Every structure is written in structure tokens, then in C-alpha cells.
Amino acid sequence: QLQLVESGGGLVQPGGSLRLSCTASGYTLDYYDIGWFRQVPGKEREGVSCIRRSDGRTYYTNSVKGRFTISRDNAKNTVYLQMNSLKPEDTAVYYCNTPSGVKYDYWGQGTQVTVSS
């Protein structure tokens, strides 16, 4: 079972930036479509962004367009989510996952992002 590990979260002021990382041991991430998701307690998990394996095409939910950027570094076997101009409403636990992981509801620990002054 592919296990993804998220890191890079933290506390940041509004308008600040963070870069999240998604890594895996024993698997090559560039074989997979990878998505970033986030969840606030009491709310459903939502898709934030994804990057396609086949052509590197990227997608973003409307609320983060122009502020977040997803990318891959295949040499480091890592998928990143660069988050700029952060807002308090971006506060959530962030997860990365593959389509299969989402389908079978298999999630990692996630990384907490808190945007607050």
C-alpha cells in the first residue's frame, strides 16, 4: 500500500506563505496523479489541487487559484504545494493522496496549516 507523508505545515500570519511536501517511501510518485486536499473539523474534506501524471497538467479549486501552485520534483520523489497570500480560511489539515487512496478512503496523517495573526 502506497503511504504518503505530508509535511511543511505550521502557523503563519495572513498574507504569508508555506510550502507543503508530499513524499513516499518505496514508490515513485511520478507514476501517480497526486492531489492535495484539506479538511476543517466538522466539515467534509475538499480537493484543493492536483497534478496529472501523464502530462503534468494542474488543477485548482477556485478559492486558491492564483495563490497556490502544485508541482513535482521527480528527483526528490516529492510533490509540493506552494501556498502564497494565505488567508485565515485556508486553515485546515492538508493531505496529499492518489485517486486510489481517495477511492478506498486511505489517508495519511496530514499536516496542519494555521493562518492567524
Protein backbone atom coordinates (compact mmCIF):
# COMPACT_ATOMS: atom_id res chain seq x y z
CA GLN A 1 0.00 0.00 0.00
CA LEU A 2 1.35 3.35 -1.03
CA GLN A 3 1.84 5.52 2.05
CA LEU A 4 2.14 9.23 1.53
CA VAL A 5 3.64 11.56 4.13
CA GLU A 6 2.76 15.22 4.29
CA SER A 7 4.94 17.88 5.89
CA GLY A 8 5.60 21.60 5.89
CA GLY A 9 2.58 22.89 7.74
CA GLY A 10 2.69 25.41 10.53
CA LEU A 11 1.44 28.70 11.87
CA VAL A 12 1.64 31.68 9.53
CA GLN A 13 0.20 35.16 9.50
CA PRO A 14 -2.36 36.21 6.92
CA GLY A 15 -0.60 37.06 3.69
CA GLY A 16 2.24 34.68 4.46
CA SER A 17 3.46 31.61 2.61
CA LEU A 18 4.08 27.94 3.27
CA ARG A 19 5.29 25.08 1.12
CA LEU A 20 3.85 21.66 1.79
CA SER A 21 5.63 18.49 0.74
CA CYS A 22 4.24 15.08 -0.10
CA THR A 23 6.65 12.16 -0.18
CA ALA A 24 6.51 8.37 -0.29
CA SER A 25 8.93 5.61 0.55
CA GLY A 26 9.41 2.73 -1.81
CA TYR A 27 7.19 4.17 -4.54
CA THR A 28 7.84 6.55 -7.38
CA LEU A 29 5.36 9.37 -7.17
CA ASP A 30 5.66 10.36 -10.81
CA TYR A 31 3.72 7.19 -11.65
CA TYR A 32 0.66 8.68 -9.97
CA ASP A 33 -1.78 11.53 -10.26
CA ILE A 34 -1.42 13.35 -6.94
CA GLY A 35 -3.93 15.63 -5.29
CA TRP A 36 -3.87 17.93 -2.29
CA PHE A 37 -6.90 18.03 -0.05
CA ARG A 38 -7.81 19.86 3.12
CA GLN A 39 -10.23 19.36 5.96
CA VAL A 40 -11.55 21.55 8.73
CA PRO A 41 -13.09 19.84 11.78
CA GLY A 42 -16.79 19.32 11.25
CA LYS A 43 -16.58 19.80 7.51
CA GLU A 44 -16.05 17.47 4.59
CA ARG A 45 -12.61 17.10 3.09
CA GLU A 46 -12.25 19.19 -0.07
CA GLY A 47 -9.97 18.92 -3.05
CA VAL A 48 -7.54 21.81 -3.38
CA SER A 49 -5.28 20.97 -6.29
CA CYS A 50 -3.97 18.08 -8.33
CA ILE A 51 -1.25 17.32 -10.84
CA ARG A 52 -1.62 14.76 -13.57
CA ARG A 53 0.97 12.07 -14.10
CA SER A 54 0.61 11.84 -17.87
CA ASP A 55 1.25 15.45 -18.85
CA GLY A 56 1.83 17.42 -15.66
CA ARG A 57 -1.38 19.34 -16.10
CA THR A 58 -2.55 21.03 -12.93
CA TYR A 59 -5.95 21.87 -11.48
CA TYR A 60 -7.04 24.15 -8.63
CA THR A 61 -10.19 24.79 -6.74
CA ASN A 62 -11.46 28.32 -7.34
CA SER A 63 -10.69 29.60 -3.86
CA VAL A 64 -6.93 29.01 -4.25
CA LYS A 65 -6.40 29.87 -7.91
CA GLY A 66 -3.63 32.40 -8.32
CA ARG A 67 -2.34 31.77 -4.79
CA PHE A 68 -1.38 28.08 -4.67
CA THR A 69 0.91 26.19 -7.01
CA ILE A 70 1.30 22.43 -7.21
CA SER A 71 4.48 20.95 -8.63
CA ARG A 72 6.62 17.82 -8.76
CA ASP A 73 10.30 17.23 -8.22
CA ASN A 74 10.82 13.73 -9.54
CA ALA A 75 14.46 13.67 -8.49
CA LYS A 76 13.31 14.15 -4.90
CA ASN A 77 10.20 11.99 -5.32
CA THR A 78 8.18 14.84 -3.89
CA VAL A 79 5.05 16.77 -4.79
CA TYR A 80 4.81 20.29 -3.43
CA LEU A 81 2.02 22.71 -2.72
CA GLN A 82 3.32 26.26 -2.61
CA MET A 83 0.78 28.40 -0.79
CA ASN A 84 1.07 32.18 -1.01
CA SER A 85 -1.15 35.02 0.20
CA LEU A 86 -2.60 32.74 2.81
CA LYS A 87 -5.93 33.60 4.38
CA PRO A 88 -7.50 32.52 7.67
CA GLU A 89 -9.98 30.43 5.69
CA ASP A 90 -7.07 28.33 4.42
CA THR A 91 -6.64 26.96 7.94
CA ALA A 92 -7.08 23.20 7.78
CA VAL A 93 -5.30 19.87 7.89
CA TYR A 94 -3.80 19.29 4.46
CA TYR A 95 -3.43 15.84 2.91
CA CYS A 96 -2.00 14.51 -0.30
CA ASN A 97 -3.36 11.41 -1.95
CA THR A 98 -3.75 9.39 -5.11
CA PRO A 99 -7.09 8.66 -6.79
CA SER A 100 -6.92 5.11 -5.45
CA GLY A 101 -6.27 6.33 -1.92
CA VAL A 102 -9.28 8.62 -2.12
CA LYS A 103 -11.46 5.84 -3.54
CA TYR A 104 -10.57 3.45 -0.72
CA ASP A 105 -10.57 6.21 1.91
CA TYR A 106 -6.93 5.63 2.86
CA TRP A 107 -5.34 8.79 4.22
CA GLY A 108 -2.11 9.79 5.86
CA GLN A 109 -1.68 11.93 8.97
CA GLY A 110 -1.82 15.20 7.13
CA THR A 111 -0.12 18.45 8.09
CA GLN A 112 -1.79 21.27 9.99
CA VAL A 113 -1.84 24.72 8.43
CA THR A 114 -2.99 27.57 10.66
CA VAL A 115 -3.32 31.09 9.30
CA SER A 116 -3.78 33.56 12.10
CA SER A 117 -2.46 36.85 13.38
